């Protein structure tokens, strides 16, 4: 594997990670009820 292929792979992985993080944040925001939010904040 050459450097440009490796760079491309790193970018794909970073993209997947950010998508996953965004999905987790979205899930937490939409699925936590107001009563459970009080415990976290």
PDB file of N, CA and C in Angstrom:
ATOM      1  N   UNK A   1       0.846  -1.199   0.000  1.00  0.00           N
ATOM      2  CA  UNK A   1       0.000   0.000   0.000  1.00  0.00           C
ATOM      3  C   UNK A   1       0.883   1.252   0.000  1.00  0.00           C
ATOM      4  N   UNK A   2       0.632   2.141  -0.942  1.00  0.00           N
ATOM      5  CA  UNK A   2       1.441   3.355  -0.978  1.00  0.00           C
ATOM      6  C   UNK A   2       0.845   4.447  -0.095  1.00  0.00           C
ATOM      7  N   UNK A   3       1.565   5.566   0.006  1.00  0.00           N
ATOM      8  CA  UNK A   3       1.151   6.634   0.921  1.00  0.00           C
ATOM      9  C   UNK A   3      -0.188   7.260   0.564  1.00  0.00           C
ATOM     10  N   UNK A   4      -0.456   7.425  -0.715  1.00  0.00           N
ATOM     11  CA  UNK A   4      -1.730   8.050  -1.097  1.00  0.00           C
ATOM     12  C   UNK A   4      -2.913   7.140  -0.769  1.00  0.00           C
ATOM     13  N   UNK A   5      -2.707   5.836  -0.900  1.00  0.00           N
ATOM     14  CA  UNK A   5      -3.765   4.883  -0.542  1.00  0.00           C
ATOM     15  C   UNK A   5      -4.013   4.910   0.964  1.00  0.00           C
ATOM     16  N   UNK A   6      -2.930   5.006   1.710  1.00  0.00           N
ATOM     17  CA  UNK A   6      -3.024   5.050   3.159  1.00  0.00           C
ATOM     18  C   UNK A   6      -3.752   6.313   3.609  1.00  0.00           C
ATOM     19  N   UNK A   7      -3.417   7.432   2.987  1.00  0.00           N
ATOM     20  CA  UNK A   7      -4.059   8.710   3.313  1.00  0.00           C
ATOM     21  C   UNK A   7      -5.559   8.631   3.040  1.00  0.00           C
ATOM     22  N   UNK A   8      -5.915   8.037   1.910  1.00  0.00           N
ATOM     23  CA  UNK A   8      -7.320   7.886   1.542  1.00  0.00           C
ATOM     24  C   UNK A   8      -8.051   7.032   2.578  1.00  0.00           C
ATOM     25  N   UNK A   9      -7.405   5.964   3.012  1.00  0.00           N
ATOM     26  CA  UNK A   9      -7.989   5.069   4.005  1.00  0.00           C
ATOM     27  C   UNK A   9      -8.203   5.794   5.332  1.00  0.00           C
ATOM     28  N   UNK A  10      -7.213   6.590   5.746  1.00  0.00           N
ATOM     29  CA  UNK A  10      -7.320   7.368   6.982  1.00  0.00           C
ATOM     30  C   UNK A  10      -8.494   8.335   6.923  1.00  0.00           C
ATOM     31  N   UNK A  11      -8.670   8.962   5.776  1.00  0.00           N
ATOM     32  CA  UNK A  11      -9.774   9.905   5.600  1.00  0.00           C
ATOM     33  C   UNK A  11     -11.123   9.200   5.691  1.00  0.00           C
ATOM     34  N   UNK A  12     -11.207   8.001   5.100  1.00  0.00           N
ATOM     35  CA  UNK A  12     -12.453   7.231   5.152  1.00  0.00           C
ATOM     36  C   UNK A  12     -12.787   6.849   6.595  1.00  0.00           C
ATOM     37  N   UNK A  13     -11.771   6.428   7.335  1.00  0.00           N
ATOM     38  CA  UNK A  13     -11.964   6.037   8.729  1.00  0.00           C
ATOM     39  C   UNK A  13     -12.401   7.237   9.568  1.00  0.00           C
ATOM     40  N   UNK A  14     -11.742   8.371   9.375  1.00  0.00           N
ATOM     41  CA  UNK A  14     -12.086   9.590  10.112  1.00  0.00           C
ATOM     42  C   UNK A  14     -13.522  10.006   9.825  1.00  0.00           C
ATOM     43  N   UNK A  15     -13.925   9.854   8.578  1.00  0.00           N
ATOM     44  CA  UNK A  15     -15.287  10.187   8.163  1.00  0.00           C
ATOM     45  C   UNK A  15     -16.303   9.287   8.863  1.00  0.00           C
ATOM     46  N   UNK A  16     -16.004   7.998   8.913  1.00  0.00           N
ATOM     47  CA  UNK A  16     -16.895   7.046   9.577  1.00  0.00           C
ATOM     48  C   UNK A  16     -17.007   7.342  11.068  1.00  0.00           C
ATOM     49  N   UNK A  17     -15.874   7.686  11.695  1.00  0.00           N
ATOM     50  CA  UNK A  17     -15.873   7.999  13.122  1.00  0.00           C
ATOM     51  C   UNK A  17     -16.730   9.227  13.401  1.00  0.00           C
ATOM     52  N   UNK A  18     -16.572  10.273  12.597  1.00  0.00           N
ATOM     53  CA  UNK A  18     -17.353  11.486  12.835  1.00  0.00           C
ATOM     54  C   UNK A  18     -18.837  11.249  12.600  1.00  0.00           C
ATOM     55  N   UNK A  19     -19.164  10.393  11.633  1.00  0.00           N
ATOM     56  CA  UNK A  19     -20.570  10.050  11.383  1.00  0.00           C
ATOM     57  C   UNK A  19     -21.151   9.308  12.580  1.00  0.00           C
ATOM     58  N   UNK A  20     -20.356   8.389  13.128  1.00  0.00           N
ATOM     59  CA  UNK A  20     -20.793   7.604  14.277  1.00  0.00           C
ATOM     60  C   UNK A  20     -20.997   8.500  15.494  1.00  0.00           C
ATOM     61  N   UNK A  21     -20.045   9.418  15.736  1.00  0.00           N
ATOM     62  CA  UNK A  21     -20.162  10.345  16.854  1.00  0.00           C
ATOM     63  C   UNK A  21     -21.400  11.215  16.718  1.00  0.00           C
ATOM     64  N   UNK A  22     -21.654  11.702  15.513  1.00  0.00           N
ATOM     65  CA  UNK A  22     -22.830  12.536  15.270  1.00  0.00           C
ATOM     66  C   UNK A  22     -24.106  11.745  15.534  1.00  0.00           C
ATOM     67  N   UNK A  23     -24.104  10.484  15.136  1.00  0.00           N
ATOM     68  CA  UNK A  23     -25.271   9.631  15.348  1.00  0.00           C
ATOM     69  C   UNK A  23     -25.514   9.390  16.837  1.00  0.00           C
ATOM     70  N   UNK A  24     -24.443   9.194  17.592  1.00  0.00           N
ATOM     71  CA  UNK A  24     -24.562   8.972  19.034  1.00  0.00           C
ATOM     72  C   UNK A  24     -25.117  10.217  19.722  1.00  0.00           C
ATOM     73  N   UNK A  25     -24.580  11.392  19.365  1.00  0.00           N
ATOM     74  CA  UNK A  25     -25.057  12.653  19.934  1.00  0.00           C
ATOM     75  C   UNK A  25     -26.532  12.849  19.608  1.00  0.00           C
ATOM     76  N   UNK A  26     -26.886  12.605  18.370  1.00  0.00           N
ATOM     77  CA  UNK A  26     -28.273  12.749  17.930  1.00  0.00           C
ATOM     78  C   UNK A  26     -29.179  11.787  18.704  1.00  0.00           C
ATOM     79  N   UNK A  27     -28.716  10.560  18.869  1.00  0.00           N
ATOM     80  CA  UNK A  27     -29.493   9.555  19.604  1.00  0.00           C
ATOM     81  C   UNK A  27     -29.732  10.010  21.041  1.00  0.00           C
ATOM     82  N   UNK A  28     -28.667  10.468  21.702  1.00  0.00           N
ATOM     83  CA  UNK A  28     -28.789  10.920  23.085  1.00  0.00           C
ATOM     84  C   UNK A  28     -29.768  12.080  23.197  1.00  0.00           C
ATOM     85  N   UNK A  29     -29.652  13.036  22.296  1.00  0.00           N
ATOM     86  CA  UNK A  29     -30.514  14.213  22.341  1.00  0.00           C
ATOM     87  C   UNK A  29     -31.974  13.864  22.100  1.00  0.00           C
ATOM     88  N   UNK A  30     -32.230  12.908  21.224  1.00  0.00           N
ATOM     89  CA  UNK A  30     -33.618  12.602  20.886  1.00  0.00           C
ATOM     90  C   UNK A  30     -34.241  11.564  21.807  1.00  0.00           C
ATOM     91  N   UNK A  31     -33.421  10.719  22.447  1.00  0.00           N
ATOM     92  CA  UNK A  31     -33.986   9.632  23.227  1.00  0.00           C
ATOM     93  C   UNK A  31     -33.946   9.822  24.736  1.00  0.00           C
ATOM     94  N   UNK A  32     -33.179  10.798  25.200  1.00  0.00           N
ATOM     95  CA  UNK A  32     -33.199  11.056  26.635  1.00  0.00           C
ATOM     96  C   UNK A  32     -34.449  11.858  26.968  1.00  0.00           C
ATOM     97  N   UNK A  33     -35.141  11.420  27.986  1.00  0.00           N
ATOM     98  CA  UNK A  33     -36.325  12.167  28.406  1.00  0.00           C
ATOM     99  C   UNK A  33     -35.879  13.337  29.278  1.00  0.00           C
ATOM    100  N   UNK A  34     -36.792  14.247  29.568  1.00  0.00           N
ATOM    101  CA  UNK A  34     -36.457  15.396  30.402  1.00  0.00           C
ATOM    102  C   UNK A  34     -36.069  14.962  31.811  1.00  0.00           C
ATOM    103  N   UNK A  35     -36.702  13.939  32.329  1.00  0.00           N
ATOM    104  CA  UNK A  35     -36.395  13.479  33.681  1.00  0.00           C
ATOM    105  C   UNK A  35     -34.989  12.879  33.771  1.00  0.00           C
ATOM    106  N   UNK A  36     -34.564  12.160  32.745  1.00  0.00           N
ATOM    107  CA  UNK A  36     -33.222  11.585  32.793  1.00  0.00           C
ATOM    108  C   UNK A  36     -32.163  12.643  32.499  1.00  0.00           C
ATOM    109  N   UNK A  37     -32.536  13.693  31.772  1.00  0.00           N
ATOM    110  CA  UNK A  37     -31.592  14.777  31.497  1.00  0.00           C
ATOM    111  C   UNK A  37     -31.187  15.501  32.769  1.00  0.00           C
ATOM    112  N   UNK A  38     -32.115  15.650  33.695  1.00  0.00           N
ATOM    113  CA  UNK A  38     -31.821  16.355  34.939  1.00  0.00           C
ATOM    114  C   UNK A  38     -30.663  15.707  35.695  1.00  0.00           C
ATOM    115  N   UNK A  39     -30.550  14.402  35.589  1.00  0.00           N
ATOM    116  CA  UNK A  39     -29.467  13.706  36.271  1.00  0.00           C
ATOM    117  C   UNK A  39     -28.110  14.009  35.645  1.00  0.00           C
ATOM    118  N   UNK A  40     -28.088  14.259  34.344  1.00  0.00           N
ATOM    119  CA  UNK A  40     -26.815  14.482  33.664  1.00  0.00           C
ATOM    120  C   UNK A  40     -26.323  15.914  33.751  1.00  0.00           C
ATOM    121  N   UNK A  41     -27.254  16.865  33.822  1.00  0.00           N
ATOM    122  CA  UNK A  41     -26.821  18.270  33.790  1.00  0.00           C
ATOM    123  C   UNK A  41     -26.833  18.877  35.180  1.00  0.00           C
TER     124      UNK A  41
END
